[in-house]
N, C-alpha and C. Protein backbone atom coordinates (compact mmCIF):
# COMPACT_ATOMS: atom_id res chain seq x y z
N MET A 1 -6.90 -93.52 -7.58
CA MET A 1 -7.05 -93.13 -8.94
C MET A 1 -8.20 -94.16 -9.61
N ASP A 2 -9.10 -94.20 -10.09
CA ASP A 2 -9.81 -94.92 -10.94
C ASP A 2 -9.57 -95.15 -12.24
N ALA A 3 -9.09 -96.45 -12.38
CA ALA A 3 -8.20 -96.62 -13.84
C ALA A 3 -9.32 -96.69 -14.87
N GLU A 4 -10.71 -96.41 -14.82
CA GLU A 4 -11.64 -96.31 -15.92
C GLU A 4 -11.74 -95.09 -16.16
N ILE A 5 -12.23 -94.63 -15.16
CA ILE A 5 -12.13 -92.82 -15.22
C ILE A 5 -11.22 -92.39 -16.29
N ALA A 6 -9.90 -92.66 -15.33
CA ALA A 6 -8.95 -91.78 -16.19
C ALA A 6 -8.74 -92.44 -17.39
N TYR A 7 -8.85 -93.33 -17.63
CA TYR A 7 -8.90 -94.36 -19.44
C TYR A 7 -10.00 -93.21 -20.15
N LEU A 8 -10.72 -93.11 -19.58
CA LEU A 8 -12.13 -92.68 -20.23
C LEU A 8 -11.74 -91.23 -20.88
N LYS A 9 -11.01 -90.62 -19.37
CA LYS A 9 -10.62 -89.01 -19.81
C LYS A 9 -9.90 -88.85 -21.03
N LEU A 10 -8.96 -89.59 -21.08
CA LEU A 10 -7.56 -89.68 -21.98
C LEU A 10 -8.22 -90.35 -23.45
N LYS A 11 -8.91 -90.96 -23.08
CA LYS A 11 -9.49 -91.56 -24.59
C LYS A 11 -10.44 -90.28 -25.53
N ASN A 12 -11.11 -90.01 -24.42
CA ASN A 12 -11.98 -88.55 -24.77
C ASN A 12 -10.92 -87.19 -25.33
N ILE A 13 -10.03 -87.07 -24.89
CA ILE A 13 -8.95 -85.90 -25.00
C ILE A 13 -8.35 -86.35 -26.48
N ALA A 14 -8.15 -87.97 -26.41
CA ALA A 14 -7.33 -88.19 -27.67
C ALA A 14 -8.17 -88.14 -29.15
N LEU A 15 -9.52 -88.54 -28.73
CA LEU A 15 -10.20 -88.90 -30.02
C LEU A 15 -10.95 -87.21 -30.23
N GLN A 16 -11.28 -86.33 -29.27
CA GLN A 16 -11.84 -85.06 -29.70
C GLN A 16 -10.70 -83.84 -30.18
N GLU A 17 -9.42 -84.25 -29.68
CA GLU A 17 -8.61 -83.21 -29.76
C GLU A 17 -7.88 -83.61 -30.80
N PHE A 18 -7.43 -84.74 -31.19
CA PHE A 18 -6.06 -85.27 -32.30
C PHE A 18 -6.78 -86.17 -33.14
N PRO A 19 -8.01 -85.66 -33.76
CA PRO A 19 -8.74 -86.50 -34.74
C PRO A 19 -8.03 -86.59 -35.96
N ASP A 20 -7.10 -85.82 -36.32
CA ASP A 20 -6.46 -85.98 -37.58
C ASP A 20 -5.43 -87.27 -37.15
N VAL A 21 -5.18 -87.69 -36.49
CA VAL A 21 -4.00 -88.82 -36.23
C VAL A 21 -4.67 -89.83 -35.56
N VAL A 22 -5.49 -89.72 -35.02
CA VAL A 22 -6.15 -90.94 -34.39
C VAL A 22 -7.37 -91.42 -35.10
N VAL A 23 -6.92 -92.75 -35.24
CA VAL A 23 -8.10 -93.35 -36.01
C VAL A 23 -9.13 -93.97 -35.01
N SER A 24 -8.85 -94.65 -33.83
CA SER A 24 -9.50 -95.24 -32.74
C SER A 24 -8.71 -95.41 -31.42
N ALA A 25 -9.57 -95.71 -30.53
CA ALA A 25 -9.20 -95.70 -29.47
C ALA A 25 -10.01 -96.95 -28.47
N SER A 26 -9.34 -98.05 -27.47
CA SER A 26 -9.88 -98.96 -27.00
C SER A 26 -9.23 -98.89 -25.42
N ILE A 27 -10.01 -99.29 -24.78
CA ILE A 27 -9.43 -99.39 -23.56
C ILE A 27 -9.44 -101.09 -23.31
N LEU A 28 -8.03 -101.48 -22.88
CA LEU A 28 -8.10 -103.09 -22.86
C LEU A 28 -8.13 -103.04 -21.03
N ARG A 29 -8.72 -104.50 -21.54
CA ARG A 29 -8.87 -105.05 -19.95
C ARG A 29 -8.42 -106.06 -19.81
N GLY A 30 -8.34 -106.55 -18.35
CA GLY A 30 -7.86 -107.77 -17.72
C GLY A 30 -9.05 -108.26 -17.12
N PRO A 31 -8.60 -109.39 -16.15
CA PRO A 31 -9.56 -110.21 -15.28
C PRO A 31 -10.68 -109.43 -14.71
N LEU A 32 -11.50 -109.91 -14.64
CA LEU A 32 -13.25 -108.99 -14.20
C LEU A 32 -13.25 -107.90 -14.82
N ASN A 33 -12.87 -107.76 -16.22
CA ASN A 33 -13.02 -106.57 -16.89
C ASN A 33 -12.57 -105.83 -16.48
N VAL A 34 -11.47 -105.36 -15.98
CA VAL A 34 -10.92 -104.13 -15.14
C VAL A 34 -10.02 -103.51 -16.38
N ALA A 35 -10.21 -102.25 -16.34
CA ALA A 35 -9.50 -101.71 -17.29
C ALA A 35 -7.94 -101.60 -16.83
N LYS A 36 -7.06 -102.08 -17.75
CA LYS A 36 -5.74 -102.06 -17.48
C LYS A 36 -4.67 -101.34 -18.23
N SER A 37 -5.23 -100.69 -19.46
CA SER A 37 -4.69 -99.79 -20.30
C SER A 37 -5.47 -99.04 -21.34
N LEU A 38 -4.64 -98.15 -22.03
CA LEU A 38 -5.04 -97.46 -22.92
C LEU A 38 -4.32 -97.65 -24.37
N ARG A 39 -5.22 -98.11 -25.47
CA ARG A 39 -4.56 -98.23 -26.65
C ARG A 39 -4.99 -97.24 -27.83
N LEU A 40 -4.45 -96.26 -28.44
CA LEU A 40 -4.93 -95.74 -29.46
C LEU A 40 -3.98 -95.61 -30.63
N PHE A 41 -4.80 -96.02 -31.92
CA PHE A 41 -4.51 -96.25 -33.25
C PHE A 41 -4.12 -95.28 -33.62
N PHE A 42 -3.23 -95.05 -34.70
CA PHE A 42 -2.62 -93.79 -35.67
C PHE A 42 -3.01 -94.40 -36.60
N ILE A 43 -2.86 -92.80 -37.55
CA ILE A 43 -3.53 -93.02 -39.26
C ILE A 43 -2.17 -94.11 -39.90
N ASP A 44 -0.91 -93.91 -39.32
CA ASP A 44 -0.03 -94.77 -39.76
C ASP A 44 0.31 -96.69 -39.39
N ASN A 45 -0.71 -97.05 -38.75
CA ASN A 45 -0.61 -98.16 -38.30
C ASN A 45 -0.17 -98.17 -37.18
N SER A 46 0.47 -97.32 -36.67
CA SER A 46 1.18 -97.36 -35.17
C SER A 46 0.05 -97.30 -34.07
N PHE A 47 0.63 -97.37 -32.84
CA PHE A 47 0.07 -97.04 -31.91
C PHE A 47 0.50 -96.68 -30.47
N LEU A 48 -0.05 -96.21 -29.44
CA LEU A 48 0.33 -95.66 -28.30
C LEU A 48 -0.73 -96.46 -27.44
N GLU A 49 0.46 -97.05 -26.29
CA GLU A 49 -0.46 -97.84 -25.35
C GLU A 49 -0.23 -97.21 -24.00
N ILE A 50 -0.95 -96.79 -23.17
CA ILE A 50 -1.13 -96.01 -21.93
C ILE A 50 -1.28 -96.77 -20.66
N TRP A 51 -0.15 -96.90 -19.87
CA TRP A 51 -0.73 -97.52 -18.47
C TRP A 51 -0.51 -96.50 -17.27
N LEU A 52 -1.54 -96.62 -16.56
CA LEU A 52 -1.39 -95.93 -15.48
C LEU A 52 -1.88 -96.31 -14.17
N THR A 53 -0.83 -95.97 -13.13
CA THR A 53 -1.08 -96.90 -11.71
C THR A 53 -0.94 -95.57 -10.88
N ASP A 54 -1.35 -95.65 -9.71
CA ASP A 54 -1.21 -94.57 -9.02
C ASP A 54 0.28 -93.79 -8.61
N LYS A 55 1.34 -94.49 -8.67
CA LYS A 55 2.52 -94.25 -8.97
C LYS A 55 3.43 -94.21 -9.80
N LYS A 56 2.87 -94.88 -10.89
CA LYS A 56 3.75 -95.60 -12.22
C LYS A 56 2.75 -95.21 -13.44
N TYR A 57 3.73 -95.13 -14.41
CA TYR A 57 2.89 -94.60 -15.95
C TYR A 57 4.04 -95.16 -16.94
N SER A 58 3.37 -95.09 -18.31
CA SER A 58 4.13 -95.39 -19.20
C SER A 58 3.22 -94.97 -20.59
N TYR A 59 4.01 -94.42 -21.38
CA TYR A 59 3.29 -94.14 -22.60
C TYR A 59 4.02 -94.40 -23.92
N HIS A 60 3.80 -95.38 -24.49
CA HIS A 60 4.87 -96.30 -25.20
C HIS A 60 4.20 -96.37 -26.63
N TRP A 61 4.71 -95.32 -28.05
CA TRP A 61 4.30 -95.35 -28.95
C TRP A 61 5.21 -96.28 -29.76
N GLN A 62 4.41 -97.52 -30.47
CA GLN A 62 4.85 -98.47 -31.06
C GLN A 62 4.81 -98.43 -32.56
N ARG A 63 5.90 -97.84 -33.39
CA ARG A 63 6.15 -97.69 -34.63
C ARG A 63 5.77 -98.94 -35.69
N ALA A 64 5.32 -98.74 -37.10
CA ALA A 64 5.21 -99.81 -37.68
C ALA A 64 6.71 -100.59 -38.22
N ASP A 65 7.72 -99.23 -38.15
CA ASP A 65 9.09 -99.45 -38.45
C ASP A 65 9.70 -100.17 -37.72
N GLY A 66 9.12 -100.58 -36.37
CA GLY A 66 9.88 -101.23 -34.99
C GLY A 66 10.60 -100.00 -34.14
N LYS A 67 10.85 -99.00 -34.20
CA LYS A 67 10.96 -98.01 -33.37
C LYS A 67 9.99 -97.65 -32.01
N ILE A 68 10.65 -97.31 -30.91
CA ILE A 68 9.39 -96.90 -29.98
C ILE A 68 10.17 -95.50 -29.23
N TYR A 69 9.01 -95.21 -28.78
CA TYR A 69 9.00 -93.89 -28.12
C TYR A 69 8.49 -93.98 -27.00
N ARG A 70 8.93 -93.80 -25.75
CA ARG A 70 8.25 -94.00 -24.46
C ARG A 70 8.66 -93.48 -23.07
N HIS A 71 7.48 -92.51 -22.59
CA HIS A 71 8.07 -92.09 -21.44
C HIS A 71 7.43 -93.04 -20.51
N ASP A 72 8.46 -93.48 -19.07
CA ASP A 72 8.06 -94.14 -18.23
C ASP A 72 8.74 -93.58 -16.85
N ASN A 73 8.57 -94.30 -15.60
CA ASN A 73 8.88 -93.71 -14.75
C ASN A 73 9.47 -95.16 -14.00
N ALA A 74 9.69 -96.05 -14.53
CA ALA A 74 10.22 -97.21 -13.61
C ALA A 74 11.40 -96.81 -13.43
N PRO A 75 11.94 -97.24 -12.04
CA PRO A 75 13.17 -97.19 -11.82
C PRO A 75 14.17 -97.96 -11.94
N HIS A 76 14.82 -97.93 -13.07
CA HIS A 76 15.69 -98.86 -13.88
C HIS A 76 16.85 -98.33 -13.14
N LYS A 77 17.98 -99.11 -12.45
CA LYS A 77 18.98 -98.61 -12.12
C LYS A 77 20.12 -98.28 -12.94
N LYS A 78 19.94 -98.64 -14.20
CA LYS A 78 20.72 -98.45 -15.27
C LYS A 78 20.76 -96.97 -15.97
N HIS A 79 19.54 -96.43 -15.50
CA HIS A 79 19.16 -94.80 -16.26
C HIS A 79 19.33 -94.00 -14.66
N LYS A 80 20.02 -94.50 -13.60
CA LYS A 80 20.13 -93.55 -12.66
C LYS A 80 20.53 -92.28 -12.74
N HIS A 81 21.61 -92.33 -14.25
CA HIS A 81 22.62 -91.12 -14.45
C HIS A 81 21.54 -90.17 -15.31
N ILE A 82 20.27 -90.31 -15.56
CA ILE A 82 19.37 -89.27 -15.92
C ILE A 82 18.97 -88.56 -14.78
N LYS A 83 19.33 -86.95 -15.36
CA LYS A 83 18.82 -86.10 -14.16
C LYS A 83 17.43 -86.12 -13.93
N THR A 84 16.41 -86.51 -14.81
CA THR A 84 15.05 -86.65 -13.95
C THR A 84 14.79 -88.15 -13.48
N PHE A 85 15.44 -89.03 -13.32
CA PHE A 85 15.26 -90.45 -12.63
C PHE A 85 14.13 -90.16 -11.91
N PRO A 86 13.24 -91.15 -11.78
CA PRO A 86 13.21 -92.32 -12.26
C PRO A 86 12.62 -91.93 -13.93
N LYS A 87 12.00 -90.83 -14.03
CA LYS A 87 11.03 -90.46 -15.29
C LYS A 87 12.42 -90.47 -16.60
N HIS A 88 12.34 -91.09 -17.83
CA HIS A 88 13.08 -91.21 -18.47
C HIS A 88 12.30 -91.59 -19.89
N PHE A 89 12.95 -91.35 -20.97
CA PHE A 89 12.23 -91.40 -22.26
C PHE A 89 13.14 -92.19 -23.14
N HIS A 90 12.63 -93.27 -23.75
CA HIS A 90 13.16 -93.82 -24.63
C HIS A 90 12.90 -93.60 -26.15
N TYR A 91 14.27 -92.90 -26.65
CA TYR A 91 13.98 -92.46 -27.81
C TYR A 91 14.27 -93.05 -29.12
N GLY A 92 13.39 -93.62 -29.72
CA GLY A 92 13.37 -94.72 -30.77
C GLY A 92 13.98 -96.26 -30.55
N SER A 93 14.46 -96.24 -29.54
CA SER A 93 14.59 -97.82 -29.20
C SER A 93 14.90 -97.55 -27.37
N GLU A 94 15.03 -99.05 -27.02
CA GLU A 94 15.14 -99.18 -25.64
C GLU A 94 16.17 -98.79 -25.03
N ASN A 95 17.55 -98.64 -25.88
CA ASN A 95 18.72 -98.22 -25.28
C ASN A 95 19.12 -96.81 -25.54
N ASN A 96 18.21 -96.20 -26.29
CA ASN A 96 18.60 -94.42 -26.50
C ASN A 96 17.62 -93.80 -25.28
N VAL A 97 17.89 -93.85 -24.29
CA VAL A 97 17.30 -93.16 -23.34
C VAL A 97 17.95 -91.68 -23.09
N LYS A 98 16.81 -90.75 -23.04
CA LYS A 98 16.78 -89.13 -22.49
C LYS A 98 16.22 -89.08 -21.16
N GLU A 99 16.38 -87.50 -20.86
CA GLU A 99 15.59 -87.12 -19.73
C GLU A 99 14.04 -86.91 -20.28
N SER A 100 13.23 -87.20 -19.06
CA SER A 100 11.61 -86.97 -19.63
C SER A 100 11.60 -85.79 -18.84
N LYS A 101 10.49 -85.09 -19.54
CA LYS A 101 9.58 -83.72 -18.86
C LYS A 101 8.34 -83.74 -18.97
N ILE A 102 7.84 -85.51 -19.51
CA ILE A 102 6.46 -85.28 -19.44
C ILE A 102 5.61 -84.74 -18.07
N ALA A 103 4.41 -84.27 -18.09
CA ALA A 103 3.84 -84.15 -16.79
C ALA A 103 3.65 -85.15 -16.04
N ASP A 104 3.26 -84.98 -14.91
CA ASP A 104 2.98 -86.07 -14.10
C ASP A 104 1.35 -86.02 -14.03
N ASN A 105 0.62 -85.03 -14.68
CA ASN A 105 -0.85 -85.21 -14.68
C ASN A 105 -1.22 -85.77 -15.85
N PRO A 106 -1.94 -86.90 -15.85
CA PRO A 106 -2.16 -87.53 -17.58
C PRO A 106 -2.72 -86.96 -18.49
N GLU A 107 -3.60 -86.24 -18.25
CA GLU A 107 -4.53 -84.96 -19.01
C GLU A 107 -3.42 -84.13 -19.74
N ILE A 108 -2.66 -83.54 -18.95
CA ILE A 108 -1.14 -82.79 -19.39
C ILE A 108 -0.08 -83.65 -20.25
N ALA A 109 0.05 -84.62 -19.90
CA ALA A 109 0.92 -85.72 -20.53
C ALA A 109 0.64 -86.37 -21.95
N ILE A 110 -0.67 -86.62 -21.64
CA ILE A 110 -1.15 -87.40 -22.92
C ILE A 110 -1.42 -86.10 -24.16
N ARG A 111 -1.51 -84.94 -23.94
CA ARG A 111 -1.56 -83.76 -24.35
C ARG A 111 -0.18 -83.47 -25.19
N ASP A 112 0.71 -83.62 -24.46
CA ASP A 112 2.02 -83.33 -24.75
C ASP A 112 2.58 -84.40 -25.72
N PHE A 113 2.25 -85.75 -25.24
CA PHE A 113 2.93 -86.84 -26.24
C PHE A 113 2.07 -86.89 -27.48
N MET A 114 1.01 -86.40 -27.53
CA MET A 114 0.09 -86.36 -28.81
C MET A 114 0.61 -85.38 -29.26
N ASN A 115 0.93 -84.20 -29.09
CA ASN A 115 1.55 -83.15 -29.91
C ASN A 115 2.84 -83.78 -30.50
N PHE A 116 3.29 -84.61 -29.77
CA PHE A 116 4.78 -85.46 -30.16
C PHE A 116 4.76 -86.51 -31.40
N VAL A 117 3.66 -87.14 -31.29
CA VAL A 117 3.10 -87.81 -32.35
C VAL A 117 2.91 -87.24 -33.43
N ARG A 118 2.04 -86.30 -33.30
CA ARG A 118 1.42 -85.60 -34.39
C ARG A 118 2.35 -84.96 -35.33
N GLU A 119 3.76 -84.41 -34.52
CA GLU A 119 4.93 -83.78 -34.92
C GLU A 119 5.88 -84.87 -35.99
N ASN A 120 5.48 -86.00 -35.43
CA ASN A 120 6.58 -87.15 -35.74
C ASN A 120 5.88 -88.39 -37.02
N LEU A 121 4.70 -88.37 -37.20
CA LEU A 121 3.94 -88.96 -38.17
C LEU A 121 4.24 -88.47 -39.56
């Protein structure tokens, strides 16, 4: 997967399909100007950061009140009891972990997560 292309696609989806909640979007870069994540800024000053690799992902929404909502597939052993392991959803905090039904396809996943954001702003 070419990270630059993937993040550009997701950035365009967010800006074009969710203009009522997305204020701006930036591709964050690491060494050698390589795309490392996508950050979306919302109308309430919160943000969503998306990290994608060939095998792992994270959709992390950080609220101004300190609450976090994150779908990821990091195989933390302490979450083995979750039916969708290694996929899991941190709902409001690091310790409140639930099943994650988010799609593996990033273009579907961002739409699902952005709808969750829209409903909870």
